Amino acid sequence: MKLKNTVLIVNDLEQSKKFYKHILGLKTILDFHGSVTLTSGIVLQSKEIWKELIHKTDQEIIMLNHAVELSFETEDIDAFMYVLDQYHVTLLHPLKEGAWGQRVVRFYDLDGHVIEVGESMRKIIKRLLSQGFSYEELAHRLRVPLDYIKQIME
C-alpha cells in the first residue's frame, strides 16, 4: 500500500488553482477533466466531478474540512507571512512559536481546508543555535535525538 495523492474537493477549480499557485507556490502537473494534480501530491478536484464519481447529490454530502490539515514547511516564514497578508488569506491563528521552537501559521484555503506552514527543522535549529542553544539543549527542546540534529546540520 502506498499513499498516492491527497485529493481536495473544491467548489471553484480555477480559483483554487490560483490560490495554491500564488500562496504555496505549487505547480500544475496535470490538468484534466475537473481534476488538477499539483506538485507536493495535492490533487484539486471539482465538486461537480467528484459528485459524479461517487454518485451523490449535494444533499447527501457533508463537508467536514476541519478534521484534516495539510502541512508544509518553509525556509522563510516571515516572507511567507507577507504573501498571506498580500492575498488577504483568512488565518486560523497568527504566526506563533510552539514550545519546541517552531514558528507556524495555520490558515484556510478557499473551501475551508486547513493548511499549516511552519519553519523547516533546519531553519529552527539554525535560529536556536544563533540564540545560544547547545546541540544538547536543542535535542531536549525539540524532543529529537542528538544525532538527528547533527545530521541535519551536516
C-alpha atoms as a PDB file:
ATOM      1  CA  MET A   1       0.000   0.000   0.000  1.00  0.00           C
ATOM      2  CA  LYS A   2       1.296   3.461  -0.887  1.00  0.00           C
ATOM      3  CA  LEU A   3      -0.327   6.869  -0.466  1.00  0.00           C
ATOM      4  CA  LYS A   4      -0.509   8.375  -3.935  1.00  0.00           C
ATOM      5  CA  ASN A   5      -2.114  11.820  -3.532  1.00  0.00           C
ATOM      6  CA  THR A   6      -4.217  13.974  -1.261  1.00  0.00           C
ATOM      7  CA  VAL A   7      -7.433  14.963  -3.040  1.00  0.00           C
ATOM      8  CA  LEU A   8      -9.163  18.190  -2.042  1.00  0.00           C
ATOM      9  CA  ILE A   9     -12.701  18.733  -3.244  1.00  0.00           C
ATOM     10  CA  VAL A  10     -13.139  22.353  -4.302  1.00  0.00           C
ATOM     11  CA  ASN A  11     -16.086  24.491  -5.363  1.00  0.00           C
ATOM     12  CA  ASP A  12     -14.209  26.686  -7.858  1.00  0.00           C
ATOM     13  CA  LEU A  13     -11.377  24.804  -9.521  1.00  0.00           C
ATOM     14  CA  GLU A  14      -9.882  27.823 -11.315  1.00  0.00           C
ATOM     15  CA  GLN A  15      -9.777  29.971  -8.188  1.00  0.00           C
ATOM     16  CA  SER A  16      -8.332  27.096  -6.158  1.00  0.00           C
ATOM     17  CA  LYS A  17      -5.580  26.552  -8.748  1.00  0.00           C
ATOM     18  CA  LYS A  18      -4.641  30.219  -8.436  1.00  0.00           C
ATOM     19  CA  PHE A  19      -4.695  30.031  -4.628  1.00  0.00           C
ATOM     20  CA  TYR A  20      -2.353  27.038  -4.448  1.00  0.00           C
ATOM     21  CA  LYS A  21      -0.072  28.514  -7.099  1.00  0.00           C
ATOM     22  CA  HIS A  22       0.203  32.009  -5.603  1.00  0.00           C
ATOM     23  CA  ILE A  23       0.076  31.170  -1.890  1.00  0.00           C
ATOM     24  CA  LEU A  24       2.043  27.906  -1.699  1.00  0.00           C
ATOM     25  CA  GLY A  25       3.956  28.053  -4.984  1.00  0.00           C
ATOM     26  CA  LEU A  26       2.639  24.697  -6.188  1.00  0.00           C
ATOM     27  CA  LYS A  27       2.834  23.935  -9.884  1.00  0.00           C
ATOM     28  CA  THR A  28       0.351  22.109 -12.109  1.00  0.00           C
ATOM     29  CA  ILE A  29       1.486  18.677 -13.254  1.00  0.00           C
ATOM     30  CA  LEU A  30      -1.745  17.588 -14.955  1.00  0.00           C
ATOM     31  CA  ASP A  31      -4.994  19.452 -15.585  1.00  0.00           C
ATOM     32  CA  PHE A  32      -7.645  17.125 -16.943  1.00  0.00           C
ATOM     33  CA  HIS A  33     -11.452  16.908 -16.776  1.00  0.00           C
ATOM     34  CA  GLY A  34     -12.123  18.677 -13.488  1.00  0.00           C
ATOM     35  CA  SER A  35      -9.051  17.377 -11.649  1.00  0.00           C
ATOM     36  CA  VAL A  36      -5.747  19.177 -11.290  1.00  0.00           C
ATOM     37  CA  THR A  37      -2.667  17.380 -10.000  1.00  0.00           C
ATOM     38  CA  LEU A  38      -0.238  19.744  -8.315  1.00  0.00           C
ATOM     39  CA  THR A  39       3.280  19.287  -7.022  1.00  0.00           C
ATOM     40  CA  SER A  40       3.538  18.007  -3.427  1.00  0.00           C
ATOM     41  CA  GLY A  41       0.965  15.279  -4.143  1.00  0.00           C
ATOM     42  CA  ILE A  42      -2.059  17.569  -3.966  1.00  0.00           C
ATOM     43  CA  VAL A  43      -4.998  16.996  -6.323  1.00  0.00           C
ATOM     44  CA  LEU A  44      -7.747  19.581  -6.626  1.00  0.00           C
ATOM     45  CA  GLN A  45     -10.984  18.080  -7.834  1.00  0.00           C
ATOM     46  CA  SER A  46     -14.113  19.947  -8.836  1.00  0.00           C
ATOM     47  CA  LYS A  47     -17.009  19.194  -6.501  1.00  0.00           C
ATOM     48  CA  GLU A  48     -19.213  18.621  -9.546  1.00  0.00           C
ATOM     49  CA  ILE A  49     -16.867  15.968 -10.967  1.00  0.00           C
ATOM     50  CA  TRP A  50     -16.480  14.362  -7.533  1.00  0.00           C
ATOM     51  CA  LYS A  51     -20.255  14.114  -7.078  1.00  0.00           C
ATOM     52  CA  GLU A  52     -20.450  12.258 -10.399  1.00  0.00           C
ATOM     53  CA  LEU A  53     -17.687   9.850  -9.352  1.00  0.00           C
ATOM     54  CA  ILE A  54     -19.291   8.954  -6.023  1.00  0.00           C
ATOM     55  CA  HIS A  55     -22.902   9.122  -7.314  1.00  0.00           C
ATOM     56  CA  LYS A  56     -24.087  11.550  -4.617  1.00  0.00           C
ATOM     57  CA  THR A  57     -26.073  14.796  -4.559  1.00  0.00           C
ATOM     58  CA  ASP A  58     -25.333  17.978  -2.608  1.00  0.00           C
ATOM     59  CA  GLN A  59     -27.923  16.915  -0.028  1.00  0.00           C
ATOM     60  CA  GLU A  60     -26.122  13.595   0.564  1.00  0.00           C
ATOM     61  CA  ILE A  61     -22.659  15.130   1.017  1.00  0.00           C
ATOM     62  CA  ILE A  62     -21.475  16.549   4.327  1.00  0.00           C
ATOM     63  CA  MET A  63     -18.224  18.502   4.002  1.00  0.00           C
ATOM     64  CA  LEU A  64     -16.214  18.462   7.254  1.00  0.00           C
ATOM     65  CA  ASN A  65     -12.954  20.134   6.275  1.00  0.00           C
ATOM     66  CA  HIS A  66     -11.525  20.870   9.707  1.00  0.00           C
ATOM     67  CA  ALA A  67     -10.656  17.276  10.598  1.00  0.00           C
ATOM     68  CA  VAL A  68      -7.596  17.231   8.293  1.00  0.00           C
ATOM     69  CA  GLU A  69      -4.650  19.572   7.898  1.00  0.00           C
ATOM     70  CA  LEU A  70      -2.154  19.919   5.055  1.00  0.00           C
ATOM     71  CA  SER A  71       1.310  20.590   6.449  1.00  0.00           C
ATOM     72  CA  PHE A  72       4.076  22.439   4.603  1.00  0.00           C
ATOM     73  CA  GLU A  73       7.494  23.764   5.600  1.00  0.00           C
ATOM     74  CA  THR A  74       9.336  26.883   4.518  1.00  0.00           C
ATOM     75  CA  GLU A  75      12.804  28.306   4.992  1.00  0.00           C
ATOM     76  CA  ASP A  76      11.448  31.869   5.330  1.00  0.00           C
ATOM     77  CA  ILE A  77       8.277  32.064   7.419  1.00  0.00           C
ATOM     78  CA  ASP A  78       8.411  35.871   7.584  1.00  0.00           C
ATOM     79  CA  ALA A  79       8.364  36.197   3.784  1.00  0.00           C
ATOM     80  CA  PHE A  80       5.532  33.664   3.665  1.00  0.00           C
ATOM     81  CA  MET A  81       3.519  35.716   6.176  1.00  0.00           C
ATOM     82  CA  TYR A  82       3.888  38.667   3.806  1.00  0.00           C
ATOM     83  CA  VAL A  83       2.349  36.568   0.998  1.00  0.00           C
ATOM     84  CA  LEU A  84      -0.599  35.605   3.205  1.00  0.00           C
ATOM     85  CA  ASP A  85      -1.126  39.253   4.074  1.00  0.00           C
ATOM     86  CA  GLN A  86      -0.895  40.398   0.445  1.00  0.00           C
ATOM     87  CA  TYR A  87      -3.590  37.900  -0.596  1.00  0.00           C
ATOM     88  CA  HIS A  88      -5.774  38.583   2.479  1.00  0.00           C
ATOM     89  CA  VAL A  89      -5.810  34.905   3.432  1.00  0.00           C
ATOM     90  CA  THR A  90      -8.039  34.019   6.389  1.00  0.00           C
ATOM     91  CA  LEU A  91      -5.878  32.802   9.271  1.00  0.00           C
ATOM     92  CA  LEU A  92      -6.914  30.109  11.709  1.00  0.00           C
ATOM     93  CA  HIS A  93      -4.330  31.648  14.041  1.00  0.00           C
ATOM     94  CA  PRO A  94      -1.493  34.168  13.641  1.00  0.00           C
ATOM     95  CA  LEU A  95       2.163  33.180  13.439  1.00  0.00           C
ATOM     96  CA  LYS A  96       3.152  31.612  16.748  1.00  0.00           C
ATOM     97  CA  GLU A  97       6.071  29.724  18.212  1.00  0.00           C
ATOM     98  CA  GLY A  98       5.495  26.286  19.719  1.00  0.00           C
ATOM     99  CA  ALA A  99       7.209  25.132  22.900  1.00  0.00           C
ATOM    100  CA  TRP A 100       9.713  23.181  20.769  1.00  0.00           C
ATOM    101  CA  GLY A 101      10.698  26.359  18.892  1.00  0.00           C
ATOM    102  CA  GLN A 102       8.971  26.015  15.519  1.00  0.00           C
ATOM    103  CA  ARG A 103       7.217  29.105  14.204  1.00  0.00           C
ATOM    104  CA  VAL A 104       3.981  28.121  12.466  1.00  0.00           C
ATOM    105  CA  VAL A 105       0.821  29.612  10.990  1.00  0.00           C
ATOM    106  CA  ARG A 106      -2.431  27.920  10.060  1.00  0.00           C
ATOM    107  CA  PHE A 107      -4.946  29.269   7.580  1.00  0.00           C
ATOM    108  CA  TYR A 108      -7.867  28.270   5.383  1.00  0.00           C
ATOM    109  CA  ASP A 109      -7.944  27.731   1.651  1.00  0.00           C
ATOM    110  CA  LEU A 110     -10.936  28.953  -0.363  1.00  0.00           C
ATOM    111  CA  ASP A 111     -13.012  25.892   0.619  1.00  0.00           C
ATOM    112  CA  GLY A 112     -12.137  25.871   4.302  1.00  0.00           C
ATOM    113  CA  HIS A 113      -9.404  23.224   4.187  1.00  0.00           C
ATOM    114  CA  VAL A 114      -6.842  23.885   6.938  1.00  0.00           C
ATOM    115  CA  ILE A 115      -3.234  24.448   5.866  1.00  0.00           C
ATOM    116  CA  GLU A 116      -0.243  24.664   8.184  1.00  0.00           C
ATOM    117  CA  VAL A 117       3.053  26.244   7.194  1.00  0.00           C
ATOM    118  CA  GLY A 118       5.942  26.069   9.602  1.00  0.00           C
ATOM    119  CA  GLU A 119       9.659  26.598   9.623  1.00  0.00           C
ATOM    120  CA  SER A 120      11.761  23.666   8.473  1.00  0.00           C
ATOM    121  CA  MET A 121      13.672  21.775  11.145  1.00  0.00           C
ATOM    122  CA  ARG A 122      16.944  23.069   9.687  1.00  0.00           C
ATOM    123  CA  LYS A 123      15.703  26.657   9.988  1.00  0.00           C
ATOM    124  CA  ILE A 124      14.562  26.107  13.593  1.00  0.00           C
ATOM    125  CA  ILE A 125      17.902  24.587  14.568  1.00  0.00           C
ATOM    126  CA  LYS A 126      19.906  27.380  12.912  1.00  0.00           C
ATOM    127  CA  ARG A 127      17.774  30.062  14.589  1.00  0.00           C
ATOM    128  CA  LEU A 128      18.027  28.485  18.036  1.00  0.00           C
ATOM    129  CA  LEU A 129      21.775  27.861  17.688  1.00  0.00           C
ATOM    130  CA  SER A 130      22.180  31.566  16.874  1.00  0.00           C
ATOM    131  CA  GLN A 131      20.352  32.320  20.143  1.00  0.00           C
ATOM    132  CA  GLY A 132      22.996  30.396  22.090  1.00  0.00           C
ATOM    133  CA  PHE A 133      21.427  26.954  22.490  1.00  0.00           C
ATOM    134  CA  SER A 134      23.806  23.980  22.504  1.00  0.00           C
ATOM    135  CA  TYR A 135      23.143  20.860  20.426  1.00  0.00           C
ATOM    136  CA  GLU A 136      22.211  19.003  23.626  1.00  0.00           C
ATOM    137  CA  GLU A 137      19.760  21.730  24.681  1.00  0.00           C
ATOM    138  CA  LEU A 138      18.225  21.680  21.203  1.00  0.00           C
ATOM    139  CA  ALA A 139      17.771  17.917  21.306  1.00  0.00           C
ATOM    140  CA  HIS A 140      15.918  18.272  24.596  1.00  0.00           C
ATOM    141  CA  ARG A 141      13.790  21.239  23.478  1.00  0.00           C
ATOM    142  CA  LEU A 142      12.920  19.759  20.072  1.00  0.00           C
ATOM    143  CA  ARG A 143      12.356  16.301  21.561  1.00  0.00           C
ATOM    144  CA  VAL A 144      14.598  14.629  18.992  1.00  0.00           C
ATOM    145  CA  PRO A 145      17.797  12.571  19.274  1.00  0.00           C
ATOM    146  CA  LEU A 146      21.062  14.495  19.347  1.00  0.00           C
ATOM    147  CA  ASP A 147      22.261  12.560  16.281  1.00  0.00           C
ATOM    148  CA  TYR A 148      19.249  13.856  14.333  1.00  0.00           C
ATOM    149  CA  ILE A 149      20.294  17.465  14.974  1.00  0.00           C
ATOM    150  CA  LYS A 150      23.901  16.714  13.999  1.00  0.00           C
ATOM    151  CA  GLN A 151      22.698  15.008  10.801  1.00  0.00           C
ATOM    152  CA  ILE A 152      20.552  17.993   9.796  1.00  0.00           C
ATOM    153  CA  MET A 153      23.429  20.425  10.378  1.00  0.00           C
ATOM    154  CA  GLU A 154      25.971  18.420   8.331  1.00  0.00           C
END
